Amino acid sequence: MAAVDEHLRAKFDQRAVPSRWSECADALYVPGTRSVADALAVVDHVLKRCPGCLVVVARVSDRCCLAGARDGTRIRMTRAATSMPSVGARECAAVASLLHGQLVLRAPWRRLGAIELRQGSRPPLRLRVVVLV
């Protein structure tokens, strides 16, 4: 895999005043557990509040996260049944960077189908991708 670009990724904490990092980040992730509807609302809220951000990933559960792009695309990523690691904050952050790279390469998320994350010596995390909007 080739390097795509440099970008700033940061955590967005809904309970705090946005930091300068989150206000100028290219990709943001929102940890925590919420319903799918709440995650979609959070993604929309963060994209409105942080105009420089292209990608927001919000954690739904240890099996699922949602992502939104500034162009209106929304996807749900669900852990494959055979995949061992759970979807935590670190995984959401990695997914945010990966999806940002896809946008920079002008590669539509609709074509992803699946994502496999490899982080160090941990088993790979396999996520099925479903386009919502």
Protein backbone atom coordinates (compact mmCIF):
# COMPACT_ATOMS: atom_id res chain seq x y z
CA MET A 1 0.00 0.00 0.00
CA ALA A 2 1.32 3.43 -0.90
CA ALA A 3 1.14 6.52 1.27
CA VAL A 4 -1.86 8.64 0.32
CA ASP A 5 -1.40 11.93 2.13
CA GLU A 6 -0.79 13.52 5.46
CA HIS A 7 -3.87 14.31 7.47
CA LEU A 8 -4.87 15.15 11.00
CA ARG A 9 -7.03 12.64 12.83
CA ALA A 10 -8.48 13.45 16.25
CA LYS A 11 -11.01 12.24 18.78
CA PHE A 12 -14.20 14.29 19.06
CA ASP A 13 -15.53 14.41 22.62
CA GLN A 14 -19.21 15.38 22.60
CA ARG A 15 -19.14 16.23 26.30
CA ALA A 16 -16.44 18.88 25.96
CA VAL A 17 -15.93 22.07 24.04
CA PRO A 18 -14.32 21.11 20.71
CA SER A 19 -10.56 21.46 20.79
CA ARG A 20 -8.55 23.22 18.13
CA TRP A 21 -7.44 19.77 17.01
CA SER A 22 -10.98 18.62 16.35
CA GLU A 23 -11.91 21.90 14.70
CA CYS A 24 -9.16 21.54 12.09
CA ALA A 25 -8.97 17.73 11.79
CA ASP A 26 -9.47 16.04 8.43
CA ALA A 27 -10.84 12.88 10.07
CA LEU A 28 -12.58 12.55 13.43
CA TYR A 29 -13.70 9.56 15.45
CA VAL A 30 -16.31 9.57 18.20
CA PRO A 31 -15.82 6.85 20.82
CA GLY A 32 -18.62 5.49 22.99
CA THR A 33 -21.62 3.29 22.38
CA ARG A 34 -24.86 4.54 20.91
CA SER A 35 -27.75 3.42 18.73
CA VAL A 36 -27.46 3.51 14.95
CA ALA A 37 -29.87 6.48 14.80
CA ASP A 38 -27.85 8.37 17.43
CA ALA A 39 -24.60 7.58 15.61
CA LEU A 40 -26.00 9.00 12.37
CA ALA A 41 -27.12 12.13 14.21
CA VAL A 42 -23.65 12.47 15.81
CA VAL A 43 -21.95 12.14 12.41
CA ASP A 44 -24.20 14.85 10.95
CA HIS A 45 -23.64 17.12 13.97
CA VAL A 46 -19.85 16.77 13.87
CA LEU A 47 -19.67 17.41 10.12
CA LYS A 48 -21.72 20.61 10.59
CA ARG A 49 -19.67 21.74 13.59
CA CYS A 50 -16.23 21.01 12.09
CA PRO A 51 -16.14 22.42 8.55
CA GLY A 52 -12.61 21.16 7.78
CA CYS A 53 -13.47 17.56 8.55
CA LEU A 54 -14.05 15.19 5.62
CA VAL A 55 -14.75 11.97 7.57
CA VAL A 56 -16.42 11.15 10.89
CA VAL A 57 -16.56 7.63 12.36
CA ALA A 58 -18.86 6.97 15.33
CA ARG A 59 -18.76 3.76 17.36
CA VAL A 60 -22.07 1.96 17.77
CA SER A 61 -20.98 -1.20 19.60
CA ASP A 62 -18.09 -3.65 19.85
CA ARG A 63 -19.33 -5.08 16.53
CA CYS A 64 -20.27 -1.97 14.57
CA CYS A 65 -19.41 1.63 13.68
CA LEU A 66 -20.86 4.19 11.27
CA ALA A 67 -19.06 6.67 9.07
CA GLY A 68 -20.08 9.78 7.23
CA ALA A 69 -18.39 11.87 4.60
CA ARG A 70 -18.89 15.53 3.82
CA ASP A 71 -20.45 14.53 0.45
CA GLY A 72 -23.40 12.94 2.30
CA THR A 73 -22.31 9.31 2.02
CA ARG A 74 -23.08 7.23 5.13
CA ILE A 75 -21.88 3.66 5.68
CA ARG A 76 -22.24 1.03 8.39
CA MET A 77 -19.31 -1.28 9.08
CA THR A 78 -20.05 -4.50 10.96
CA ARG A 79 -17.45 -6.91 12.29
CA ALA A 80 -17.38 -10.19 10.40
CA ALA A 81 -18.47 -13.20 12.46
CA THR A 82 -15.02 -14.79 12.24
CA SER A 83 -13.14 -11.63 13.20
CA MET A 84 -11.77 -11.65 16.75
CA PRO A 85 -10.96 -8.03 17.72
CA SER A 86 -13.78 -5.77 18.77
CA VAL A 87 -14.52 -2.34 17.31
CA GLY A 88 -13.05 0.08 19.84
CA ALA A 89 -11.74 3.65 19.78
CA ARG A 90 -8.42 2.59 18.23
CA GLU A 91 -10.18 0.73 15.43
CA CYS A 92 -12.57 3.64 14.78
CA ALA A 93 -9.56 5.96 14.52
CA ALA A 94 -7.85 3.63 12.03
CA VAL A 95 -11.05 3.33 9.97
CA ALA A 96 -11.36 7.15 9.89
CA SER A 97 -7.86 7.42 8.40
CA LEU A 98 -8.50 4.63 5.91
CA LEU A 99 -11.76 6.23 4.73
CA HIS A 100 -10.06 9.63 4.46
CA GLY A 101 -7.48 8.02 2.17
CA GLN A 102 -10.27 6.59 0.03
CA LEU A 103 -11.75 10.07 -0.40
CA VAL A 104 -8.38 11.60 -1.27
CA LEU A 105 -7.90 8.89 -3.91
CA ARG A 106 -11.44 9.60 -5.17
CA ALA A 107 -12.32 5.98 -4.54
CA PRO A 108 -16.04 5.77 -3.66
CA TRP A 109 -16.89 4.09 -0.38
CA ARG A 110 -19.67 2.28 -2.24
CA ARG A 111 -17.04 0.03 -3.81
CA LEU A 112 -15.40 -1.05 -0.55
CA GLY A 113 -17.48 -4.12 0.28
CA ALA A 114 -15.16 -5.02 3.15
CA ILE A 115 -12.27 -3.57 5.16
CA GLU A 116 -9.49 -5.50 6.87
CA LEU A 117 -7.44 -3.70 9.51
CA ARG A 118 -4.10 -5.07 10.63
CA GLN A 119 -2.58 -3.44 13.69
CA GLY A 120 0.69 -4.82 14.98
CA SER A 121 0.57 -8.41 16.18
CA ARG A 122 -3.18 -8.36 16.84
CA PRO A 123 -5.44 -10.54 14.68
CA PRO A 124 -6.93 -8.62 11.73
CA LEU A 125 -10.29 -6.95 12.14
CA ARG A 126 -12.60 -7.65 9.21
CA LEU A 127 -15.53 -5.30 8.65
CA ARG A 128 -18.38 -5.69 6.16
CA VAL A 129 -19.36 -2.34 4.61
CA VAL A 130 -22.99 -1.44 3.83
CA VAL A 131 -23.90 1.88 2.22
CA LEU A 132 -26.78 3.57 4.02
CA VAL A 133 -27.00 6.80 1.99
